[in-house]
All heavy atoms as atom14 arrays in JSON, in Angstrom:
{
  "sequence": "AITHPQDLRPLLISPFTGSLGQLLDARLGD",
  "atom14_mask": [
    [1, 1, 1, 1, 1, 0, 0, 0, 0, 0, 0, 0, 0, 0],
    [1, 1, 1, 1, 1, 1, 1, 1, 0, 0, 0, 0, 0, 0],
    [1, 1, 1, 1, 1, 1, 1, 0, 0, 0, 0, 0, 0, 0],
    [1, 1, 1, 1, 1, 1, 1, 1, 1, 1, 0, 0, 0, 0],
    [1, 1, 1, 1, 1, 1, 1, 0, 0, 0, 0, 0, 0, 0],
    [1, 1, 1, 1, 1, 1, 1, 1, 1, 0, 0, 0, 0, 0],
    [1, 1, 1, 1, 1, 1, 1, 1, 0, 0, 0, 0, 0, 0],
    [1, 1, 1, 1, 1, 1, 1, 1, 0, 0, 0, 0, 0, 0],
    [1, 1, 1, 1, 1, 1, 1, 1, 1, 1, 1, 0, 0, 0],
    [1, 1, 1, 1, 1, 1, 1, 0, 0, 0, 0, 0, 0, 0],
    [1, 1, 1, 1, 1, 1, 1, 1, 0, 0, 0, 0, 0, 0],
    [1, 1, 1, 1, 1, 1, 1, 1, 0, 0, 0, 0, 0, 0],
    [1, 1, 1, 1, 1, 1, 1, 1, 0, 0, 0, 0, 0, 0],
    [1, 1, 1, 1, 1, 1, 0, 0, 0, 0, 0, 0, 0, 0],
    [1, 1, 1, 1, 1, 1, 1, 0, 0, 0, 0, 0, 0, 0],
    [1, 1, 1, 1, 1, 1, 1, 1, 1, 1, 1, 0, 0, 0],
    [1, 1, 1, 1, 1, 1, 1, 0, 0, 0, 0, 0, 0, 0],
    [1, 1, 1, 1, 0, 0, 0, 0, 0, 0, 0, 0, 0, 0],
    [1, 1, 1, 1, 1, 1, 0, 0, 0, 0, 0, 0, 0, 0],
    [1, 1, 1, 1, 1, 1, 1, 1, 0, 0, 0, 0, 0, 0],
    [1, 1, 1, 1, 0, 0, 0, 0, 0, 0, 0, 0, 0, 0],
    [1, 1, 1, 1, 1, 1, 1, 1, 1, 0, 0, 0, 0, 0],
    [1, 1, 1, 1, 1, 1, 1, 1, 0, 0, 0, 0, 0, 0],
    [1, 1, 1, 1, 1, 1, 1, 1, 0, 0, 0, 0, 0, 0],
    [1, 1, 1, 1, 1, 1, 1, 1, 0, 0, 0, 0, 0, 0],
    [1, 1, 1, 1, 1, 0, 0, 0, 0, 0, 0, 0, 0, 0],
    [1, 1, 1, 1, 1, 1, 1, 1, 1, 1, 1, 0, 0, 0],
    [1, 1, 1, 1, 1, 1, 1, 1, 0, 0, 0, 0, 0, 0],
    [1, 1, 1, 1, 0, 0, 0, 0, 0, 0, 0, 0, 0, 0],
    [1, 1, 1, 1, 1, 1, 1, 1, 0, 0, 0, 0, 0, 0]
  ],
  "atom14_positions": [
    [[24.61, 2.82, -8.82], [23.84, 2.51, -10.04], [22.49, 3.23, -10.08], [21.77, 3.13, -11.07], [23.64, 1.0, -10.14], [0.0, 0.0, 0.0], [0.0, 0.0, 0.0], [0.0, 0.0, 0.0], [0.0, 0.0, 0.0], [0.0, 0.0, 0.0], [0.0, 0.0, 0.0], [0.0, 0.0, 0.0], [0.0, 0.0, 0.0], [0.0, 0.0, 0.0]],
    [[22.12, 3.98, -9.04], [20.81, 4.64, -8.98], [20.82, 5.94, -9.79], [21.62, 6.84, -9.53], [20.42, 4.97, -7.52], [20.27, 3.69, -6.71], [19.13, 5.77, -7.47], [20.09, 3.92, -5.22], [0.0, 0.0, 0.0], [0.0, 0.0, 0.0], [0.0, 0.0, 0.0], [0.0, 0.0, 0.0], [0.0, 0.0, 0.0], [0.0, 0.0, 0.0]],
    [[19.94, 6.02, -10.78], [19.75, 7.27, -11.54], [18.27, 7.62, -11.64], [17.94, 8.75, -12.02], [20.33, 7.14, -12.97], [19.69, 6.04, -13.65], [21.84, 6.9, -12.93], [0.0, 0.0, 0.0], [0.0, 0.0, 0.0], [0.0, 0.0, 0.0], [0.0, 0.0, 0.0], [0.0, 0.0, 0.0], [0.0, 0.0, 0.0], [0.0, 0.0, 0.0]],
    [[17.39, 6.68, -11.34], [15.95, 6.86, -11.5], [15.27, 6.2, -10.29], [15.79, 5.21, -9.75], [15.47, 6.22, -12.82], [14.03, 6.43, -13.11], [13.03, 5.63, -12.61], [13.41, 7.37, -13.88], [11.86, 6.06, -13.04], [12.06, 7.12, -13.82], [0.0, 0.0, 0.0], [0.0, 0.0, 0.0], [0.0, 0.0, 0.0], [0.0, 0.0, 0.0]],
    [[14.1, 6.7, -9.85], [13.43, 6.08, -8.7], [13.22, 4.58, -8.83], [13.31, 3.85, -7.83], [12.09, 6.83, -8.63], [12.4, 8.18, -9.18], [13.4, 7.94, -10.27], [0.0, 0.0, 0.0], [0.0, 0.0, 0.0], [0.0, 0.0, 0.0], [0.0, 0.0, 0.0], [0.0, 0.0, 0.0], [0.0, 0.0, 0.0], [0.0, 0.0, 0.0]],
    [[12.96, 4.1, -10.04], [12.76, 2.66, -10.21], [14.04, 1.85, -10.06], [13.99, 0.62, -9.94], [12.1, 2.38, -11.56], [10.63, 2.75, -11.62], [9.82, 2.06, -10.51], [9.95, 0.87, -10.28], [8.98, 2.85, -9.81], [0.0, 0.0, 0.0], [0.0, 0.0, 0.0], [0.0, 0.0, 0.0], [0.0, 0.0, 0.0], [0.0, 0.0, 0.0]],
    [[15.2, 2.54, -10.06], [16.46, 1.84, -9.8], [16.54, 1.37, -8.35], [17.39, 0.55, -8.01], [17.65, 2.75, -10.1], [17.8, 3.04, -11.59], [17.33, 2.21, -12.4], [18.37, 4.09, -11.93], [0.0, 0.0, 0.0], [0.0, 0.0, 0.0], [0.0, 0.0, 0.0], [0.0, 0.0, 0.0], [0.0, 0.0, 0.0], [0.0, 0.0, 0.0]],
    [[15.64, 1.9, -7.51], [15.58, 1.44, -6.12], [15.0, 0.03, -6.01], [15.28, -0.69, -5.05], [14.74, 2.4, -5.28], [15.3, 3.82, -5.08], [14.25, 4.71, -4.44], [16.55, 3.77, -4.21], [0.0, 0.0, 0.0], [0.0, 0.0, 0.0], [0.0, 0.0, 0.0], [0.0, 0.0, 0.0], [0.0, 0.0, 0.0], [0.0, 0.0, 0.0]],
    [[14.17, -0.34, -6.98], [13.46, -1.61, -6.88], [14.39, -2.81, -6.71], [14.16, -3.64, -5.82], [12.55, -1.8, -8.1], [11.73, -3.09, -8.05], [10.75, -3.16, -9.22], [9.78, -2.06, -9.11], [8.71, -2.09, -8.33], [8.47, -3.18, -7.59], [7.9, -1.08, -8.28], [0.0, 0.0, 0.0], [0.0, 0.0, 0.0], [0.0, 0.0, 0.0]],
    [[15.43, -2.97, -7.55], [16.31, -4.14, -7.35], [16.97, -4.18, -5.98], [17.34, -5.26, -5.48], [17.36, -3.98, -8.46], [16.74, -3.09, -9.47], [15.85, -2.16, -8.71], [0.0, 0.0, 0.0], [0.0, 0.0, 0.0], [0.0, 0.0, 0.0], [0.0, 0.0, 0.0], [0.0, 0.0, 0.0], [0.0, 0.0, 0.0], [0.0, 0.0, 0.0]],
    [[17.12, -3.0, -5.35], [17.76, -2.94, -4.04], [16.79, -3.19, -2.89], [17.21, -3.46, -1.76], [18.42, -1.57, -3.85], [19.49, -1.2, -4.87], [19.94, 0.23, -4.66], [20.67, -2.14, -4.78], [0.0, 0.0, 0.0], [0.0, 0.0, 0.0], [0.0, 0.0, 0.0], [0.0, 0.0, 0.0], [0.0, 0.0, 0.0], [0.0, 0.0, 0.0]],
    [[15.49, -3.08, -3.19], [14.49, -3.18, -2.12], [13.6, -4.42, -2.22], [12.79, -4.65, -1.34], [13.6, -1.93, -2.13], [14.3, -0.58, -1.98], [13.3, 0.57, -2.06], [15.06, -0.51, -0.67], [0.0, 0.0, 0.0], [0.0, 0.0, 0.0], [0.0, 0.0, 0.0], [0.0, 0.0, 0.0], [0.0, 0.0, 0.0], [0.0, 0.0, 0.0]],
    [[13.76, -5.19, -3.27], [12.8, -6.28, -3.49], [13.13, -7.54, -2.69], [12.24, -8.36, -2.43], [12.72, -6.62, -5.01], [11.42, -7.37, -5.29], [13.94, -7.42, -5.45], [11.11, -7.5, -6.75], [0.0, 0.0, 0.0], [0.0, 0.0, 0.0], [0.0, 0.0, 0.0], [0.0, 0.0, 0.0], [0.0, 0.0, 0.0], [0.0, 0.0, 0.0]],
    [[14.38, -7.7, -2.26], [14.73, -8.91, -1.51], [14.34, -8.75, -0.04], [14.2, -7.64, 0.47], [16.22, -9.21, -1.64], [17.0, -8.13, -1.23], [0.0, 0.0, 0.0], [0.0, 0.0, 0.0], [0.0, 0.0, 0.0], [0.0, 0.0, 0.0], [0.0, 0.0, 0.0], [0.0, 0.0, 0.0], [0.0, 0.0, 0.0], [0.0, 0.0, 0.0]],
    [[14.15, -9.85, 0.69], [13.61, -9.81, 2.05], [14.41, -8.95, 3.01], [15.64, -8.91, 2.97], [13.64, -11.28, 2.48], [13.57, -12.05, 1.2], [14.34, -11.25, 0.21], [0.0, 0.0, 0.0], [0.0, 0.0, 0.0], [0.0, 0.0, 0.0], [0.0, 0.0, 0.0], [0.0, 0.0, 0.0], [0.0, 0.0, 0.0], [0.0, 0.0, 0.0]],
    [[13.69, -8.26, 3.9], [14.3, -7.47, 4.96], [13.25, -7.24, 6.04], [12.08, -6.99, 5.74], [14.8, -6.11, 4.44], [15.49, -5.28, 5.5], [16.84, -5.4, 5.7], [14.76, -4.4, 6.3], [17.49, -4.66, 6.68], [15.39, -3.66, 7.28], [16.77, -3.79, 7.48], [0.0, 0.0, 0.0], [0.0, 0.0, 0.0], [0.0, 0.0, 0.0]],
    [[13.69, -7.28, 7.28], [12.83, -6.95, 8.4], [13.61, -6.04, 9.35], [14.69, -6.4, 9.81], [12.38, -8.21, 9.16], [11.66, -9.06, 8.28], [11.49, -7.84, 10.34], [0.0, 0.0, 0.0], [0.0, 0.0, 0.0], [0.0, 0.0, 0.0], [0.0, 0.0, 0.0], [0.0, 0.0, 0.0], [0.0, 0.0, 0.0], [0.0, 0.0, 0.0]],
    [[13.05, -4.87, 9.62], [13.71, -3.91, 10.49], [13.1, -2.53, 10.3], [11.98, -2.39, 9.79], [0.0, 0.0, 0.0], [0.0, 0.0, 0.0], [0.0, 0.0, 0.0], [0.0, 0.0, 0.0], [0.0, 0.0, 0.0], [0.0, 0.0, 0.0], [0.0, 0.0, 0.0], [0.0, 0.0, 0.0], [0.0, 0.0, 0.0], [0.0, 0.0, 0.0]],
    [[13.83, -1.51, 10.69], [13.34, -0.14, 10.53], [13.83, 0.44, 9.2], [14.75, -0.1, 8.56], [13.85, 0.74, 11.67], [15.26, 0.93, 11.57], [0.0, 0.0, 0.0], [0.0, 0.0, 0.0], [0.0, 0.0, 0.0], [0.0, 0.0, 0.0], [0.0, 0.0, 0.0], [0.0, 0.0, 0.0], [0.0, 0.0, 0.0], [0.0, 0.0, 0.0]],
    [[13.21, 1.54, 8.79], [13.62, 2.21, 7.55], [15.08, 2.65, 7.65], [15.85, 2.51, 6.7], [12.72, 3.42, 7.28], [13.1, 4.28, 6.07], [13.09, 3.47, 4.79], [12.17, 5.5, 5.96], [0.0, 0.0, 0.0], [0.0, 0.0, 0.0], [0.0, 0.0, 0.0], [0.0, 0.0, 0.0], [0.0, 0.0, 0.0], [0.0, 0.0, 0.0]],
    [[15.47, 3.17, 8.81], [16.85, 3.59, 8.97], [17.83, 2.44, 8.84], [18.88, 2.56, 8.2], [0.0, 0.0, 0.0], [0.0, 0.0, 0.0], [0.0, 0.0, 0.0], [0.0, 0.0, 0.0], [0.0, 0.0, 0.0], [0.0, 0.0, 0.0], [0.0, 0.0, 0.0], [0.0, 0.0, 0.0], [0.0, 0.0, 0.0], [0.0, 0.0, 0.0]],
    [[17.49, 1.3, 9.44], [18.36, 0.12, 9.33], [18.45, -0.36, 7.89], [19.52, -0.76, 7.41], [17.82, -1.0, 10.22], [17.97, -0.72, 11.71], [17.2, -1.71, 12.56], [16.2, -2.29, 12.13], [17.66, -1.92, 13.8], [0.0, 0.0, 0.0], [0.0, 0.0, 0.0], [0.0, 0.0, 0.0], [0.0, 0.0, 0.0], [0.0, 0.0, 0.0]],
    [[17.33, -0.32, 7.18], [17.32, -0.72, 5.77], [18.22, 0.18, 4.95], [19.04, -0.3, 4.15], [15.89, -0.67, 5.23], [15.75, -0.88, 3.71], [16.08, -2.32, 3.35], [14.37, -0.51, 3.23], [0.0, 0.0, 0.0], [0.0, 0.0, 0.0], [0.0, 0.0, 0.0], [0.0, 0.0, 0.0], [0.0, 0.0, 0.0], [0.0, 0.0, 0.0]],
    [[18.06, 1.48, 5.09], [18.85, 2.42, 4.3], [20.34, 2.26, 4.6], [21.18, 2.29, 3.68], [18.41, 3.86, 4.57], [16.99, 4.21, 4.1], [16.64, 5.63, 4.53], [16.86, 4.05, 2.59], [0.0, 0.0, 0.0], [0.0, 0.0, 0.0], [0.0, 0.0, 0.0], [0.0, 0.0, 0.0], [0.0, 0.0, 0.0], [0.0, 0.0, 0.0]],
    [[20.69, 2.08, 5.86], [22.08, 1.91, 6.23], [22.67, 0.65, 5.62], [23.79, 0.64, 5.11], [22.2, 1.88, 7.75], [23.64, 1.73, 8.2], [24.48, 2.55, 7.79], [23.94, 0.8, 8.97], [0.0, 0.0, 0.0], [0.0, 0.0, 0.0], [0.0, 0.0, 0.0], [0.0, 0.0, 0.0], [0.0, 0.0, 0.0], [0.0, 0.0, 0.0]],
    [[21.89, -0.45, 5.64], [22.39, -1.73, 5.14], [22.43, -1.78, 3.62], [23.38, -2.3, 3.03], [21.51, -2.87, 5.66], [0.0, 0.0, 0.0], [0.0, 0.0, 0.0], [0.0, 0.0, 0.0], [0.0, 0.0, 0.0], [0.0, 0.0, 0.0], [0.0, 0.0, 0.0], [0.0, 0.0, 0.0], [0.0, 0.0, 0.0], [0.0, 0.0, 0.0]],
    [[21.4, -1.27, 2.95], [21.28, -1.42, 1.5], [21.9, -0.26, 0.71], [22.47, -0.49, -0.36], [19.8, -1.55, 1.12], [19.07, -2.74, 1.75], [19.18, -3.98, 0.9], [18.63, -5.14, 1.57], [17.46, -5.71, 1.28], [16.7, -5.19, 0.33], [17.07, -6.78, 1.93], [0.0, 0.0, 0.0], [0.0, 0.0, 0.0], [0.0, 0.0, 0.0]],
    [[21.75, 0.97, 1.21], [22.19, 2.14, 0.46], [23.34, 2.88, 1.12], [23.97, 3.73, 0.49], [21.02, 3.1, 0.23], [19.8, 2.51, -0.48], [18.7, 3.56, -0.63], [20.18, 1.96, -1.83], [0.0, 0.0, 0.0], [0.0, 0.0, 0.0], [0.0, 0.0, 0.0], [0.0, 0.0, 0.0], [0.0, 0.0, 0.0], [0.0, 0.0, 0.0]],
    [[23.6, 2.63, 2.39], [24.75, 3.22, 3.05], [24.43, 4.41, 3.92], [23.38, 5.05, 3.81], [0.0, 0.0, 0.0], [0.0, 0.0, 0.0], [0.0, 0.0, 0.0], [0.0, 0.0, 0.0], [0.0, 0.0, 0.0], [0.0, 0.0, 0.0], [0.0, 0.0, 0.0], [0.0, 0.0, 0.0], [0.0, 0.0, 0.0], [0.0, 0.0, 0.0]],
    [[25.39, 4.72, 4.8], [25.2, 5.8, 5.76], [25.0, 7.17, 5.1], [24.17, 7.96, 5.57], [26.4, 5.85, 6.72], [26.25, 6.93, 7.77], [25.31, 6.81, 8.6], [27.04, 7.89, 7.76], [0.0, 0.0, 0.0], [0.0, 0.0, 0.0], [0.0, 0.0, 0.0], [0.0, 0.0, 0.0], [0.0, 0.0, 0.0], [0.0, 0.0, 0.0]]
  ]
}
């Protein structure tokens, strides 16, 4: 569903604790 930088917001606004790599793998995929 990502077409614009602000489309990242719904995917990043909920709680997460970890590294950037772990976040990207979990939320956006390998």
